[in-house]
Structure formats: structure tokens, C-alpha cells
Amino acid sequence: MNKIDLTRRGFTLGALAGVSVTAACGNGIGSRGAQALDARVDATLEEMYRRYPNTVNLAEKSSGMLVMPLITEAGFGFGGAYGRGALRVNEATVDYYSSTQLSGGLQIGAQQYTHVLFFLTDESLTNFRRSPGWVVGGDVEYVISDQGDGVKADTTTALSPVQAAVFGRAGLLLGATLQGTKYNRIIP
């Protein structure tokens, strides 16, 4: 018989490979991730309505809202961001999504923020839900963007079928970049 020598290095590499394979198999079914995410979404909407009362009317007019309670972004030359949230239609969660953002350019720093997309037409909501991974393009305008102590609203967004609110920024990220965001349906 062949004798197998098990070294610490071999054992460690084998254990790490086993953990990696096992971690990749989890799909979230049966976990409490959905409940926790729904609680964060509820808290986010309450805070948004309290701080920005004009978003209540926007929410009432929308066919649906994608609420991302926390997106974390960091960059040094190249950067990225990630967050998870829920799609609400008629005040009920219908799906869960992740948001992944890649950026490149002159940038340095990190920040966290909250992001809410308002789908103002049934068509924009249907297009979002049917696409395999929706990438934000030129048809999305930002309505609210925290800048220091002030809030800026842009009136040119009135005709856009998808509007966004970004608030609760914390951290510092400086630079000029080109970026794209992709939303994917997930099971939390």
C-alpha cells in the first residue's frame, strides 16, 4: 500500500477547498435572510418618507419600487459596489435583487448609501422584471442626492419612466468615473 503523508499545508489547503465548495452550495432557501432583508427595506422606506416627504407621492404613483437599504462602494482606480434589496409592488415584496456596480477612472475612497428605484410605468417595471440582469443606463435619473447638509432635487426627471432616490451617504469617495450597475434576482 501507498503511504500518504499528511502535512499541515496539505491539510489546510484541503480544508479550505472543502469549505469553499460547501459555501458555494448554499442557496438561501430556508434561511432567515428574506425576513431580515424585508425588515431593512421597511426601515429604509420609513426613513425615506420621514426625511423626504415628496417621495411619498412618488411611491404612490409608481408601479413598483426597488429598495436597496445598503450599498457599499469602494474604489482605488477601479472600484465596485454591492448591495441587496427587495422589489416592492403594491407595498408587498415580490422579488429580491442584488446590485453590483463596476467603475473605472480616477477614484479613491469608500462610501455607503441607500438607493431606491421608482418604476413610474407598468412597462418600465415589466422590462426590469423580464430582463436577465438589468443594467442602469441613461434612462435613470437621480432625484435626491445628499450633498453635505443639503438635498438637491432635479426637475428634469419628471418625464423619466424610472426615477431614483439616493440618500443616507456615509464615507468619502472622490473622483470621476465611468460606471455601470447590474441588478440580478437572488434568493436571500
Protein backbone atom coordinates (compact mmCIF):
# COMPACT_ATOMS: atom_id res chain seq x y z
CA MET A 1 0.00 0.00 0.00
CA ASN A 2 0.99 3.56 -0.62
CA LYS A 3 1.62 5.64 2.44
CA ILE A 4 0.08 9.13 2.30
CA ASP A 5 1.90 11.83 4.22
CA LEU A 6 -0.48 14.48 5.50
CA THR A 7 1.31 17.72 6.18
CA ARG A 8 -0.14 20.80 7.80
CA ARG A 9 -0.01 22.61 4.49
CA GLY A 10 -1.84 19.78 2.70
CA PHE A 11 -4.45 19.57 5.43
CA THR A 12 -5.00 23.35 5.41
CA LEU A 13 -5.35 23.52 1.62
CA GLY A 14 -7.75 20.57 1.65
CA ALA A 15 -9.85 22.14 4.40
CA LEU A 16 -10.02 25.50 2.60
CA ALA A 17 -11.04 23.79 -0.64
CA GLY A 18 -13.75 21.85 1.20
CA VAL A 19 -15.12 24.97 2.88
CA SER A 20 -15.15 26.83 -0.45
CA VAL A 21 -17.08 24.06 -2.19
CA THR A 22 -19.54 23.79 0.70
CA ALA A 23 -20.10 27.55 0.83
CA ALA A 24 -20.84 27.67 -2.88
CA CYS A 25 -23.66 25.13 -2.43
CA GLY A 26 -25.81 27.29 -0.14
CA ASN A 27 -28.81 28.77 -1.94
CA GLY A 28 -30.54 30.56 0.93
CA ILE A 29 -33.76 28.51 0.91
CA GLY A 30 -35.00 28.09 4.45
CA SER A 31 -32.78 30.82 5.86
CA ARG A 32 -33.98 33.95 7.65
CA GLY A 33 -32.29 36.17 5.04
CA ALA A 34 -35.58 37.22 3.42
CA GLN A 35 -37.09 38.30 6.74
CA ALA A 36 -34.02 40.32 7.67
CA LEU A 37 -33.92 41.96 4.24
CA ASP A 38 -37.65 42.82 4.42
CA ALA A 39 -37.13 44.41 7.85
CA ARG A 40 -34.28 46.55 6.45
CA VAL A 41 -36.44 47.56 3.48
CA ASP A 42 -39.31 48.58 5.79
CA ALA A 43 -36.94 50.68 7.93
CA THR A 44 -35.44 52.28 4.82
CA LEU A 45 -38.83 53.28 3.44
CA GLU A 46 -39.91 54.73 6.80
CA GLU A 47 -36.71 56.79 6.97
CA MET A 48 -37.04 57.98 3.36
CA TYR A 49 -40.68 59.06 3.85
CA ARG A 50 -39.77 60.86 7.09
CA ARG A 51 -36.71 62.69 5.69
CA TYR A 52 -38.07 63.32 2.18
CA PRO A 53 -41.88 63.71 2.26
CA ASN A 54 -42.04 64.28 -1.52
CA THR A 55 -41.11 60.62 -2.04
CA VAL A 56 -44.47 59.53 -0.59
CA ASN A 57 -46.26 60.91 -3.67
CA LEU A 58 -43.64 59.37 -5.93
CA ALA A 59 -44.16 55.97 -4.27
CA GLU A 60 -47.95 56.24 -4.60
CA LYS A 61 -47.64 56.97 -8.35
CA SER A 62 -45.12 54.20 -9.01
CA SER A 63 -45.95 50.73 -10.30
CA GLY A 64 -43.17 49.31 -8.13
CA MET A 65 -40.04 50.20 -6.17
CA LEU A 66 -36.67 48.51 -5.90
CA VAL A 67 -35.34 49.30 -2.42
CA MET A 68 -31.63 48.75 -1.69
CA PRO A 69 -31.21 49.51 2.05
CA LEU A 70 -27.40 49.48 1.99
CA ILE A 71 -24.95 49.64 -0.89
CA THR A 72 -21.25 49.63 -0.08
CA GLU A 73 -18.90 51.15 -2.65
CA ALA A 74 -15.09 51.34 -2.66
CA GLY A 75 -12.52 52.28 -5.24
CA PHE A 76 -8.89 52.95 -5.92
CA GLY A 77 -8.56 53.44 -9.68
CA PHE A 78 -11.00 50.62 -10.32
CA GLY A 79 -13.91 50.20 -7.97
CA GLY A 80 -17.04 48.34 -7.22
CA ALA A 81 -20.19 48.35 -5.15
CA TYR A 82 -22.58 45.71 -3.86
CA GLY A 83 -25.91 45.66 -2.08
CA ARG A 84 -29.07 43.59 -1.71
CA GLY A 85 -32.68 44.68 -1.68
CA ALA A 86 -36.30 43.92 -2.47
CA LEU A 87 -38.71 44.76 -5.27
CA ARG A 88 -41.99 46.03 -3.84
CA VAL A 89 -45.23 46.09 -5.85
CA ASN A 90 -48.38 47.35 -4.09
CA GLU A 91 -46.40 47.52 -0.83
CA ALA A 92 -45.59 43.78 -0.97
CA THR A 93 -42.21 42.17 -1.68
CA VAL A 94 -42.35 40.20 -4.94
CA ASP A 95 -38.64 39.51 -5.57
CA TYR A 96 -35.19 40.06 -4.11
CA TYR A 97 -32.27 41.56 -6.05
CA SER A 98 -28.58 42.22 -5.72
CA SER A 99 -26.92 45.30 -7.15
CA THR A 100 -23.39 45.02 -8.49
CA GLN A 101 -21.54 48.06 -9.77
CA LEU A 102 -18.18 48.29 -11.52
CA SER A 103 -16.37 51.54 -12.14
CA GLY A 104 -13.11 52.76 -13.56
CA GLY A 105 -11.38 56.10 -13.62
CA LEU A 106 -9.82 58.49 -11.16
CA GLN A 107 -11.26 57.49 -7.81
CA ILE A 108 -10.23 56.77 -4.26
CA GLY A 109 -12.22 56.06 -1.10
CA ALA A 110 -15.29 54.24 0.14
CA GLN A 111 -18.89 55.07 0.95
CA GLN A 112 -22.22 53.52 1.84
CA TYR A 113 -25.64 54.72 0.78
CA THR A 114 -29.29 53.79 0.31
CA HIS A 115 -30.79 53.52 -3.17
CA VAL A 116 -34.48 53.34 -4.20
CA LEU A 117 -35.66 52.99 -7.82
CA PHE A 118 -39.23 54.10 -8.61
CA PHE A 119 -40.80 52.45 -11.68
CA LEU A 120 -43.39 55.00 -12.78
CA THR A 121 -44.91 52.94 -15.61
CA ASP A 122 -46.05 49.34 -15.83
CA GLU A 123 -43.86 48.98 -18.91
CA SER A 124 -40.67 50.03 -17.09
CA LEU A 125 -41.46 47.61 -14.24
CA THR A 126 -42.19 44.76 -16.66
CA ASN A 127 -38.99 45.43 -18.61
CA PHE A 128 -37.00 45.36 -15.38
CA ARG A 129 -38.54 42.08 -14.18
CA ARG A 130 -38.22 40.28 -17.53
CA SER A 131 -34.62 41.19 -18.22
CA PRO A 132 -31.92 38.70 -17.14
CA GLY A 133 -29.85 41.39 -15.44
CA TRP A 134 -30.90 44.97 -15.92
CA VAL A 135 -28.11 47.47 -16.40
CA VAL A 136 -28.83 51.06 -15.44
CA GLY A 137 -28.37 53.35 -18.41
CA GLY A 138 -29.25 56.85 -19.47
CA ASP A 139 -32.95 56.42 -18.74
CA VAL A 140 -32.48 56.54 -14.97
CA GLU A 141 -32.23 59.96 -13.35
CA TYR A 142 -31.35 60.76 -9.76
CA VAL A 143 -33.96 62.70 -7.83
CA ILE A 144 -32.30 63.01 -4.43
CA SER A 145 -28.60 63.10 -3.71
CA ASP A 146 -27.25 64.05 -0.29
CA GLN A 147 -24.50 66.63 -0.54
CA GLY A 148 -23.21 67.70 2.85
CA ASP A 149 -26.16 69.03 4.82
CA GLY A 150 -28.30 69.87 1.80
CA VAL A 151 -30.54 67.92 -0.51
CA LYS A 152 -30.66 68.56 -4.23
CA ALA A 153 -33.69 67.79 -6.40
CA ASP A 154 -33.59 67.76 -10.18
CA THR A 155 -36.77 68.76 -12.00
CA THR A 156 -35.59 67.31 -15.33
CA THR A 157 -36.52 63.83 -14.11
CA ALA A 158 -40.27 64.45 -14.32
CA LEU A 159 -40.64 62.62 -17.67
CA SER A 160 -38.34 59.66 -16.92
CA PRO A 161 -40.07 56.25 -16.53
CA VAL A 162 -37.61 55.24 -13.80
CA GLN A 163 -36.53 57.63 -11.08
CA ALA A 164 -34.10 57.06 -8.24
CA ALA A 165 -33.54 58.36 -4.74
CA VAL A 166 -30.07 58.09 -3.23
CA PHE A 167 -29.68 59.16 0.38
CA GLY A 168 -28.01 58.30 3.68
CA ARG A 169 -24.49 58.65 2.30
CA ALA A 170 -21.63 57.96 4.69
CA GLY A 171 -17.93 57.90 3.88
CA LEU A 172 -15.79 59.65 1.32
CA LEU A 173 -15.30 58.73 -2.31
CA LEU A 174 -13.57 61.19 -4.62
CA GLY A 175 -13.07 61.03 -8.36
CA ALA A 176 -14.52 60.93 -11.84
CA THR A 177 -15.51 57.55 -13.23
CA LEU A 178 -17.48 55.65 -15.83
CA GLN A 179 -19.70 53.04 -14.25
CA GLY A 180 -22.50 50.59 -14.80
CA THR A 181 -24.86 48.85 -12.42
CA LYS A 182 -26.37 45.41 -12.87
CA TYR A 183 -29.33 44.06 -10.93
CA ASN A 184 -29.79 40.29 -10.55
CA ARG A 185 -32.64 38.35 -8.97
CA ILE A 186 -31.47 36.45 -5.87
CA ILE A 187 -32.72 34.12 -3.15
CA PRO A 188 -31.60 35.75 0.13
